[in-house]
């Protein structure tokens, strides 16, 4: 394993920063000329399943698809019930 990988695994704030970065991308690209990039991003295999699911739910919410956002969050919380950021988002969207 490379040293970069070890650093990433030890950084407890990595997930929160990545999630914040994704929120910024959604805000900047949604309803604009490059919105199609968001569709590619939320399906990208380089994202781990939790980040991808969370990003998909956030994008669905921003696009007004509350049902899809709620479904994605509920499905994920069944797998990881104590995930704080997902729980907060679930409460935010009343999922």
PDB file of N, CA and C in Angstrom:
ATOM      1  N   UNK A   1       0.845  -1.178   0.000  1.00  0.00           N
ATOM      2  CA  UNK A   1       0.000   0.000   0.000  1.00  0.00           C
ATOM      3  C   UNK A   1       0.892   1.243   0.000  1.00  0.00           C
ATOM      4  N   UNK A   2       0.515   2.182  -0.813  1.00  0.00           N
ATOM      5  CA  UNK A   2       1.290   3.415  -0.901  1.00  0.00           C
ATOM      6  C   UNK A   2       1.083   4.275   0.338  1.00  0.00           C
ATOM      7  N   UNK A   3       2.029   5.158   0.582  1.00  0.00           N
ATOM      8  CA  UNK A   3       1.948   6.059   1.713  1.00  0.00           C
ATOM      9  C   UNK A   3       0.726   6.966   1.617  1.00  0.00           C
ATOM     10  N   UNK A   4       0.368   7.417   0.389  1.00  0.00           N
ATOM     11  CA  UNK A   4      -0.819   8.263   0.190  1.00  0.00           C
ATOM     12  C   UNK A   4      -2.070   7.550   0.702  1.00  0.00           C
ATOM     13  N   UNK A   5      -2.178   6.265   0.402  1.00  0.00           N
ATOM     14  CA  UNK A   5      -3.340   5.484   0.834  1.00  0.00           C
ATOM     15  C   UNK A   5      -3.404   5.404   2.355  1.00  0.00           C
ATOM     16  N   UNK A   6      -2.258   5.215   2.995  1.00  0.00           N
ATOM     17  CA  UNK A   6      -2.223   5.161   4.458  1.00  0.00           C
ATOM     18  C   UNK A   6      -2.661   6.484   5.060  1.00  0.00           C
ATOM     19  N   UNK A   7      -2.207   7.576   4.475  1.00  0.00           N
ATOM     20  CA  UNK A   7      -2.586   8.903   4.974  1.00  0.00           C
ATOM     21  C   UNK A   7      -4.097   9.101   4.877  1.00  0.00           C
ATOM     22  N   UNK A   8      -4.674   8.706   3.753  1.00  0.00           N
ATOM     23  CA  UNK A   8      -6.107   8.863   3.552  1.00  0.00           C
ATOM     24  C   UNK A   8      -6.897   8.061   4.577  1.00  0.00           C
ATOM     25  N   UNK A   9      -6.466   6.855   4.841  1.00  0.00           N
ATOM     26  CA  UNK A   9      -7.181   5.988   5.781  1.00  0.00           C
ATOM     27  C   UNK A   9      -7.107   6.520   7.212  1.00  0.00           C
ATOM     28  N   UNK A  10      -6.042   7.217   7.550  1.00  0.00           N
ATOM     29  CA  UNK A  10      -5.878   7.724   8.913  1.00  0.00           C
ATOM     30  C   UNK A  10      -6.561   9.073   9.132  1.00  0.00           C
ATOM     31  N   UNK A  11      -6.991   9.720   8.097  1.00  0.00           N
ATOM     32  CA  UNK A  11      -7.590  11.048   8.212  1.00  0.00           C
ATOM     33  C   UNK A  11      -9.064  10.922   8.574  1.00  0.00           C
ATOM     34  N   UNK A  12      -9.424  11.207   9.825  1.00  0.00           N
ATOM     35  CA  UNK A  12     -10.817  11.040  10.255  1.00  0.00           C
ATOM     36  C   UNK A  12     -11.774  12.057   9.626  1.00  0.00           C
ATOM     37  N   UNK A  13     -11.259  13.140   9.064  1.00  0.00           N
ATOM     38  CA  UNK A  13     -12.115  14.177   8.483  1.00  0.00           C
ATOM     39  C   UNK A  13     -12.260  14.053   6.975  1.00  0.00           C
ATOM     40  N   UNK A  14     -11.628  13.056   6.394  1.00  0.00           N
ATOM     41  CA  UNK A  14     -11.634  12.907   4.938  1.00  0.00           C
ATOM     42  C   UNK A  14     -13.058  12.802   4.383  1.00  0.00           C
ATOM     43  N   UNK A  15     -13.873  11.958   4.980  1.00  0.00           N
ATOM     44  CA  UNK A  15     -15.228  11.744   4.484  1.00  0.00           C
ATOM     45  C   UNK A  15     -16.043  13.035   4.562  1.00  0.00           C
ATOM     46  N   UNK A  16     -15.908  13.760   5.647  1.00  0.00           N
ATOM     47  CA  UNK A  16     -16.659  15.016   5.805  1.00  0.00           C
ATOM     48  C   UNK A  16     -16.215  16.045   4.766  1.00  0.00           C
ATOM     49  N   UNK A  17     -14.909  16.122   4.531  1.00  0.00           N
ATOM     50  CA  UNK A  17     -14.410  17.080   3.535  1.00  0.00           C
ATOM     51  C   UNK A  17     -14.839  16.686   2.129  1.00  0.00           C
ATOM     52  N   UNK A  18     -14.815  15.393   1.844  1.00  0.00           N
ATOM     53  CA  UNK A  18     -15.246  14.920   0.529  1.00  0.00           C
ATOM     54  C   UNK A  18     -16.735  15.214   0.327  1.00  0.00           C
ATOM     55  N   UNK A  19     -17.521  14.992   1.351  1.00  0.00           N
ATOM     56  CA  UNK A  19     -18.950  15.283   1.265  1.00  0.00           C
ATOM     57  C   UNK A  19     -19.196  16.768   1.044  1.00  0.00           C
ATOM     58  N   UNK A  20     -18.443  17.609   1.723  1.00  0.00           N
ATOM     59  CA  UNK A  20     -18.576  19.066   1.536  1.00  0.00           C
ATOM     60  C   UNK A  20     -18.191  19.450   0.105  1.00  0.00           C
ATOM     61  N   UNK A  21     -17.143  18.855  -0.406  1.00  0.00           N
ATOM     62  CA  UNK A  21     -16.712  19.120  -1.783  1.00  0.00           C
ATOM     63  C   UNK A  21     -17.819  18.731  -2.758  1.00  0.00           C
ATOM     64  N   UNK A  22     -18.449  17.596  -2.528  1.00  0.00           N
ATOM     65  CA  UNK A  22     -19.533  17.159  -3.411  1.00  0.00           C
ATOM     66  C   UNK A  22     -20.716  18.121  -3.356  1.00  0.00           C
ATOM     67  N   UNK A  23     -21.043  18.609  -2.166  1.00  0.00           N
ATOM     68  CA  UNK A  23     -22.134  19.593  -2.054  1.00  0.00           C
ATOM     69  C   UNK A  23     -21.810  20.847  -2.865  1.00  0.00           C
ATOM     70  N   UNK A  24     -20.566  21.290  -2.793  1.00  0.00           N
ATOM     71  CA  UNK A  24     -20.155  22.463  -3.565  1.00  0.00           C
ATOM     72  C   UNK A  24     -20.260  22.206  -5.066  1.00  0.00           C
ATOM     73  N   UNK A  25     -19.856  21.020  -5.498  1.00  0.00           N
ATOM     74  CA  UNK A  25     -19.980  20.680  -6.914  1.00  0.00           C
ATOM     75  C   UNK A  25     -21.441  20.720  -7.362  1.00  0.00           C
ATOM     76  N   UNK A  26     -22.313  20.143  -6.558  1.00  0.00           N
ATOM     77  CA  UNK A  26     -23.733  20.150  -6.903  1.00  0.00           C
ATOM     78  C   UNK A  26     -24.237  21.585  -7.019  1.00  0.00           C
ATOM     79  N   UNK A  27     -23.912  22.413  -6.034  1.00  0.00           N
ATOM     80  CA  UNK A  27     -24.361  23.806  -6.054  1.00  0.00           C
ATOM     81  C   UNK A  27     -23.865  24.541  -7.299  1.00  0.00           C
ATOM     82  N   UNK A  28     -22.625  24.300  -7.682  1.00  0.00           N
ATOM     83  CA  UNK A  28     -22.025  25.025  -8.793  1.00  0.00           C
ATOM     84  C   UNK A  28     -22.464  24.512 -10.166  1.00  0.00           C
ATOM     85  N   UNK A  29     -22.700  23.202 -10.271  1.00  0.00           N
ATOM     86  CA  UNK A  29     -22.984  22.620 -11.584  1.00  0.00           C
ATOM     87  C   UNK A  29     -24.471  22.408 -11.873  1.00  0.00           C
ATOM     88  N   UNK A  30     -25.284  22.351 -10.837  1.00  0.00           N
ATOM     89  CA  UNK A  30     -26.710  22.083 -11.023  1.00  0.00           C
ATOM     90  C   UNK A  30     -27.370  23.199 -11.835  1.00  0.00           C
ATOM     91  N   UNK A  31     -28.150  22.808 -12.794  1.00  0.00           N
ATOM     92  CA  UNK A  31     -28.901  23.722 -13.665  1.00  0.00           C
ATOM     93  C   UNK A  31     -28.000  24.596 -14.534  1.00  0.00           C
ATOM     94  N   UNK A  32     -26.795  24.143 -14.755  1.00  0.00           N
ATOM     95  CA  UNK A  32     -25.882  24.909 -15.595  1.00  0.00           C
ATOM     96  C   UNK A  32     -25.452  24.115 -16.811  1.00  0.00           C
ATOM     97  N   UNK A  33     -24.527  24.695 -17.501  1.00  0.00           N
ATOM     98  CA  UNK A  33     -24.022  24.129 -18.743  1.00  0.00           C
ATOM     99  C   UNK A  33     -23.357  22.759 -18.544  1.00  0.00           C
ATOM    100  N   UNK A  34     -22.816  22.529 -17.352  1.00  0.00           N
ATOM    101  CA  UNK A  34     -22.075  21.294 -17.104  1.00  0.00           C
ATOM    102  C   UNK A  34     -22.807  20.332 -16.162  1.00  0.00           C
ATOM    103  N   UNK A  35     -24.117  20.440 -16.092  1.00  0.00           N
ATOM    104  CA  UNK A  35     -24.884  19.582 -15.182  1.00  0.00           C
ATOM    105  C   UNK A  35     -24.708  18.098 -15.508  1.00  0.00           C
ATOM    106  N   UNK A  36     -24.455  17.774 -16.776  1.00  0.00           N
ATOM    107  CA  UNK A  36     -24.275  16.372 -17.145  1.00  0.00           C
ATOM    108  C   UNK A  36     -23.080  15.747 -16.431  1.00  0.00           C
ATOM    109  N   UNK A  37     -22.119  16.561 -15.997  1.00  0.00           N
ATOM    110  CA  UNK A  37     -20.963  16.041 -15.264  1.00  0.00           C
ATOM    111  C   UNK A  37     -21.396  15.459 -13.926  1.00  0.00           C
ATOM    112  N   UNK A  38     -22.458  16.019 -13.345  1.00  0.00           N
ATOM    113  CA  UNK A  38     -22.958  15.496 -12.069  1.00  0.00           C
ATOM    114  C   UNK A  38     -23.464  14.071 -12.230  1.00  0.00           C
ATOM    115  N   UNK A  39     -24.148  13.805 -13.343  1.00  0.00           N
ATOM    116  CA  UNK A  39     -24.652  12.452 -13.583  1.00  0.00           C
ATOM    117  C   UNK A  39     -23.502  11.454 -13.692  1.00  0.00           C
ATOM    118  N   UNK A  40     -22.432  11.868 -14.322  1.00  0.00           N
ATOM    119  CA  UNK A  40     -21.261  10.997 -14.429  1.00  0.00           C
ATOM    120  C   UNK A  40     -20.604  10.807 -13.062  1.00  0.00           C
ATOM    121  N   UNK A  41     -20.541  11.872 -12.289  1.00  0.00           N
ATOM    122  CA  UNK A  41     -19.903  11.804 -10.974  1.00  0.00           C
ATOM    123  C   UNK A  41     -20.630  10.856 -10.035  1.00  0.00           C
ATOM    124  N   UNK A  42     -21.961  10.930  -9.981  1.00  0.00           N
ATOM    125  CA  UNK A  42     -22.698  10.107  -9.015  1.00  0.00           C
ATOM    126  C   UNK A  42     -22.689   8.624  -9.361  1.00  0.00           C
ATOM    127  N   UNK A  43     -22.197   8.280 -10.531  1.00  0.00           N
ATOM    128  CA  UNK A  43     -22.093   6.872 -10.911  1.00  0.00           C
ATOM    129  C   UNK A  43     -20.639   6.398 -10.988  1.00  0.00           C
ATOM    130  N   UNK A  44     -19.711   7.277 -10.684  1.00  0.00           N
ATOM    131  CA  UNK A  44     -18.299   6.947 -10.877  1.00  0.00           C
ATOM    132  C   UNK A  44     -17.847   5.857  -9.899  1.00  0.00           C
ATOM    133  N   UNK A  45     -17.218   4.800 -10.430  1.00  0.00           N
ATOM    134  CA  UNK A  45     -16.794   3.696  -9.578  1.00  0.00           C
ATOM    135  C   UNK A  45     -15.646   4.033  -8.623  1.00  0.00           C
ATOM    136  N   UNK A  46     -14.977   5.154  -8.824  1.00  0.00           N
ATOM    137  CA  UNK A  46     -13.895   5.538  -7.911  1.00  0.00           C
ATOM    138  C   UNK A  46     -14.432   5.955  -6.545  1.00  0.00           C
ATOM    139  N   UNK A  47     -15.689   6.339  -6.487  1.00  0.00           N
ATOM    140  CA  UNK A  47     -16.295   6.692  -5.207  1.00  0.00           C
ATOM    141  C   UNK A  47     -16.692   5.424  -4.473  1.00  0.00           C
ATOM    142  N   UNK A  48     -16.412   5.388  -3.196  1.00  0.00           N
ATOM    143  CA  UNK A  48     -16.852   4.266  -2.377  1.00  0.00           C
ATOM    144  C   UNK A  48     -18.369   4.312  -2.284  1.00  0.00           C
ATOM    145  N   UNK A  49     -18.972   3.187  -2.024  1.00  0.00           N
ATOM    146  CA  UNK A  49     -20.437   3.090  -1.998  1.00  0.00           C
ATOM    147  C   UNK A  49     -21.071   4.124  -1.069  1.00  0.00           C
ATOM    148  N   UNK A  50     -20.586   4.331   0.151  1.00  0.00           N
ATOM    149  CA  UNK A  50     -21.257   5.336   0.997  1.00  0.00           C
ATOM    150  C   UNK A  50     -21.247   6.727   0.379  1.00  0.00           C
ATOM    151  N   UNK A  51     -20.092   7.149  -0.142  1.00  0.00           N
ATOM    152  CA  UNK A  51     -20.016   8.490  -0.728  1.00  0.00           C
ATOM    153  C   UNK A  51     -20.890   8.600  -1.973  1.00  0.00           C
ATOM    154  N   UNK A  52     -20.882   7.555  -2.779  1.00  0.00           N
ATOM    155  CA  UNK A  52     -21.672   7.577  -4.015  1.00  0.00           C
ATOM    156  C   UNK A  52     -23.166   7.651  -3.680  1.00  0.00           C
ATOM    157  N   UNK A  53     -23.603   6.840  -2.733  1.00  0.00           N
ATOM    158  CA  UNK A  53     -25.019   6.838  -2.348  1.00  0.00           C
ATOM    159  C   UNK A  53     -25.430   8.188  -1.779  1.00  0.00           C
ATOM    160  N   UNK A  54     -24.588   8.744  -0.925  1.00  0.00           N
ATOM    161  CA  UNK A  54     -24.896  10.037  -0.320  1.00  0.00           C
ATOM    162  C   UNK A  54     -24.966  11.120  -1.385  1.00  0.00           C
ATOM    163  N   UNK A  55     -24.032  11.097  -2.310  1.00  0.00           N
ATOM    164  CA  UNK A  55     -24.023  12.070  -3.398  1.00  0.00           C
ATOM    165  C   UNK A  55     -25.264  11.912  -4.280  1.00  0.00           C
ATOM    166  N   UNK A  56     -25.635  10.688  -4.581  1.00  0.00           N
ATOM    167  CA  UNK A  56     -26.837  10.442  -5.382  1.00  0.00           C
ATOM    168  C   UNK A  56     -28.072  10.986  -4.671  1.00  0.00           C
ATOM    169  N   UNK A  57     -28.151  10.772  -3.363  1.00  0.00           N
ATOM    170  CA  UNK A  57     -29.293  11.271  -2.592  1.00  0.00           C
ATOM    171  C   UNK A  57     -29.327  12.793  -2.567  1.00  0.00           C
ATOM    172  N   UNK A  58     -28.175  13.406  -2.387  1.00  0.00           N
ATOM    173  CA  UNK A  58     -28.118  14.877  -2.376  1.00  0.00           C
ATOM    174  C   UNK A  58     -28.524  15.451  -3.727  1.00  0.00           C
ATOM    175  N   UNK A  59     -28.045  14.843  -4.789  1.00  0.00           N
ATOM    176  CA  UNK A  59     -28.385  15.323  -6.126  1.00  0.00           C
ATOM    177  C   UNK A  59     -29.874  15.146  -6.400  1.00  0.00           C
ATOM    178  N   UNK A  60     -30.416  14.008  -6.010  1.00  0.00           N
ATOM    179  CA  UNK A  60     -31.853  13.778  -6.187  1.00  0.00           C
ATOM    180  C   UNK A  60     -32.659  14.840  -5.438  1.00  0.00           C
ATOM    181  N   UNK A  61     -32.255  15.144  -4.213  1.00  0.00           N
ATOM    182  CA  UNK A  61     -32.945  16.163  -3.421  1.00  0.00           C
ATOM    183  C   UNK A  61     -32.873  17.521  -4.114  1.00  0.00           C
ATOM    184  N   UNK A  62     -31.704  17.898  -4.596  1.00  0.00           N
ATOM    185  CA  UNK A  62     -31.540  19.193  -5.262  1.00  0.00           C
ATOM    186  C   UNK A  62     -32.351  19.279  -6.551  1.00  0.00           C
ATOM    187  N   UNK A  63     -32.569  18.155  -7.184  1.00  0.00           N
ATOM    188  CA  UNK A  63     -33.367  18.130  -8.409  1.00  0.00           C
ATOM    189  C   UNK A  63     -34.863  18.009  -8.129  1.00  0.00           C
ATOM    190  N   UNK A  64     -35.223  17.985  -6.850  1.00  0.00           N
ATOM    191  CA  UNK A  64     -36.629  17.937  -6.486  1.00  0.00           C
ATOM    192  C   UNK A  64     -37.210  16.539  -6.411  1.00  0.00           C
ATOM    193  N   UNK A  65     -36.376  15.521  -6.482  1.00  0.00           N
ATOM    194  CA  UNK A  65     -36.845  14.138  -6.406  1.00  0.00           C
ATOM    195  C   UNK A  65     -36.683  13.644  -4.969  1.00  0.00           C
ATOM    196  N   UNK A  66     -37.556  14.149  -4.100  1.00  0.00           N
ATOM    197  CA  UNK A  66     -37.480  13.800  -2.682  1.00  0.00           C
ATOM    198  C   UNK A  66     -37.691  12.308  -2.440  1.00  0.00           C
ATOM    199  N   UNK A  67     -38.521  11.688  -3.255  1.00  0.00           N
ATOM    200  CA  UNK A  67     -38.784  10.261  -3.098  1.00  0.00           C
ATOM    201  C   UNK A  67     -37.513   9.440  -3.325  1.00  0.00           C
ATOM    202  N   UNK A  68     -36.764   9.739  -4.376  1.00  0.00           N
ATOM    203  CA  UNK A  68     -35.518   9.022  -4.656  1.00  0.00           C
ATOM    204  C   UNK A  68     -34.488   9.293  -3.565  1.00  0.00           C
ATOM    205  N   UNK A  69     -34.392  10.546  -3.125  1.00  0.00           N
ATOM    206  CA  UNK A  69     -33.439  10.889  -2.065  1.00  0.00           C
ATOM    207  C   UNK A  69     -33.766  10.113  -0.795  1.00  0.00           C
ATOM    208  N   UNK A  70     -35.022  10.064  -0.424  1.00  0.00           N
ATOM    209  CA  UNK A  70     -35.435   9.331   0.775  1.00  0.00           C
ATOM    210  C   UNK A  70     -35.163   7.842   0.638  1.00  0.00           C
ATOM    211  N   UNK A  71     -35.454   7.281  -0.515  1.00  0.00           N
ATOM    212  CA  UNK A  71     -35.232   5.852  -0.739  1.00  0.00           C
ATOM    213  C   UNK A  71     -33.752   5.511  -0.620  1.00  0.00           C
ATOM    214  N   UNK A  72     -32.905   6.311  -1.243  1.00  0.00           N
ATOM    215  CA  UNK A  72     -31.465   6.065  -1.178  1.00  0.00           C
ATOM    216  C   UNK A  72     -30.946   6.127   0.257  1.00  0.00           C
ATOM    217  N   UNK A  73     -31.383   7.126   0.990  1.00  0.00           N
ATOM    218  CA  UNK A  73     -30.929   7.276   2.372  1.00  0.00           C
ATOM    219  C   UNK A  73     -31.441   6.127   3.239  1.00  0.00           C
ATOM    220  N   UNK A  74     -32.703   5.774   3.094  1.00  0.00           N
ATOM    221  CA  UNK A  74     -33.256   4.664   3.890  1.00  0.00           C
ATOM    222  C   UNK A  74     -32.515   3.362   3.606  1.00  0.00           C
ATOM    223  N   UNK A  75     -32.278   3.075   2.330  1.00  0.00           N
ATOM    224  CA  UNK A  75     -31.567   1.846   1.966  1.00  0.00           C
ATOM    225  C   UNK A  75     -30.177   1.822   2.583  1.00  0.00           C
ATOM    226  N   UNK A  76     -29.507   2.954   2.569  1.00  0.00           N
ATOM    227  CA  UNK A  76     -28.159   2.971   3.111  1.00  0.00           C
ATOM    228  C   UNK A  76     -28.164   2.875   4.624  1.00  0.00           C
ATOM    229  N   UNK A  77     -29.120   3.517   5.277  1.00  0.00           N
ATOM    230  CA  UNK A  77     -29.158   3.474   6.739  1.00  0.00           C
ATOM    231  C   UNK A  77     -29.468   2.071   7.254  1.00  0.00           C
ATOM    232  N   UNK A  78     -30.087   1.253   6.443  1.00  0.00           N
ATOM    233  CA  UNK A  78     -30.293  -0.147   6.823  1.00  0.00           C
ATOM    234  C   UNK A  78     -28.932  -0.840   6.907  1.00  0.00           C
ATOM    235  N   UNK A  79     -28.033  -0.485   5.994  1.00  0.00           N
ATOM    236  CA  UNK A  79     -26.701  -1.094   5.962  1.00  0.00           C
ATOM    237  C   UNK A  79     -25.765  -0.501   7.023  1.00  0.00           C
ATOM    238  N   UNK A  80     -25.827   0.803   7.219  1.00  0.00           N
ATOM    239  CA  UNK A  80     -24.982   1.493   8.195  1.00  0.00           C
ATOM    240  C   UNK A  80     -25.855   2.392   9.069  1.00  0.00           C
ATOM    241  N   UNK A  81     -26.563   1.824  10.025  1.00  0.00           N
ATOM    242  CA  UNK A  81     -27.555   2.589  10.783  1.00  0.00           C
ATOM    243  C   UNK A  81     -27.015   3.741  11.618  1.00  0.00           C
ATOM    244  N   UNK A  82     -25.768   3.737  11.990  1.00  0.00           N
ATOM    245  CA  UNK A  82     -25.266   4.792  12.854  1.00  0.00           C
ATOM    246  C   UNK A  82     -24.494   5.889  12.146  1.00  0.00           C
ATOM    247  N   UNK A  83     -24.558   5.958  10.850  1.00  0.00           N
ATOM    248  CA  UNK A  83     -23.782   6.940  10.089  1.00  0.00           C
ATOM    249  C   UNK A  83     -24.358   8.330  10.327  1.00  0.00           C
ATOM    250  N   UNK A  84     -23.620   9.166  11.038  1.00  0.00           N
ATOM    251  CA  UNK A  84     -24.110  10.472  11.471  1.00  0.00           C
ATOM    252  C   UNK A  84     -24.533  11.402  10.360  1.00  0.00           C
ATOM    253  N   UNK A  85     -23.726  11.501   9.323  1.00  0.00           N
ATOM    254  CA  UNK A  85     -24.044  12.430   8.233  1.00  0.00           C
ATOM    255  C   UNK A  85     -25.296  11.981   7.481  1.00  0.00           C
ATOM    256  N   UNK A  86     -25.439  10.674   7.283  1.00  0.00           N
ATOM    257  CA  UNK A  86     -26.628  10.151   6.629  1.00  0.00           C
ATOM    258  C   UNK A  86     -27.859  10.373   7.498  1.00  0.00           C
ATOM    259  N   UNK A  87     -27.723  10.174   8.805  1.00  0.00           N
ATOM    260  CA  UNK A  87     -28.850  10.396   9.713  1.00  0.00           C
ATOM    261  C   UNK A  87     -29.290  11.864   9.677  1.00  0.00           C
ATOM    262  N   UNK A  88     -28.320  12.767   9.681  1.00  0.00           N
ATOM    263  CA  UNK A  88     -28.647  14.192   9.640  1.00  0.00           C
ATOM    264  C   UNK A  88     -29.367  14.548   8.341  1.00  0.00           C
ATOM    265  N   UNK A  89     -28.889  13.999   7.227  1.00  0.00           N
ATOM    266  CA  UNK A  89     -29.536  14.265   5.946  1.00  0.00           C
ATOM    267  C   UNK A  89     -30.935  13.652   5.919  1.00  0.00           C
ATOM    268  N   UNK A  90     -31.072  12.454   6.470  1.00  0.00           N
ATOM    269  CA  UNK A  90     -32.391  11.807   6.528  1.00  0.00           C
ATOM    270  C   UNK A  90     -33.382  12.668   7.310  1.00  0.00           C
ATOM    271  N   UNK A  91     -32.935  13.242   8.415  1.00  0.00           N
ATOM    272  CA  UNK A  91     -33.802  14.123   9.203  1.00  0.00           C
ATOM    273  C   UNK A  91     -34.132  15.392   8.419  1.00  0.00           C
ATOM    274  N   UNK A  92     -33.138  15.919   7.721  1.00  0.00           N
ATOM    275  CA  UNK A  92     -33.329  17.130   6.929  1.00  0.00           C
ATOM    276  C   UNK A  92     -34.409  16.956   5.872  1.00  0.00           C
ATOM    277  N   UNK A  93     -34.442  15.769   5.256  1.00  0.00           N
ATOM    278  CA  UNK A  93     -35.418  15.530   4.181  1.00  0.00           C
ATOM    279  C   UNK A  93     -36.610  14.729   4.663  1.00  0.00           C
ATOM    280  N   UNK A  94     -36.703  14.510   5.986  1.00  0.00           N
ATOM    281  CA  UNK A  94     -37.804  13.744   6.589  1.00  0.00           C
ATOM    282  C   UNK A  94     -37.939  12.347   6.012  1.00  0.00           C
ATOM    283  N   UNK A  95     -36.809  11.680   5.836  1.00  0.00           N
ATOM    284  CA  UNK A  95     -36.824  10.312   5.286  1.00  0.00           C
ATOM    285  C   UNK A  95     -37.054   9.311   6.401  1.00  0.00           C
TER     286      UNK A  95
END
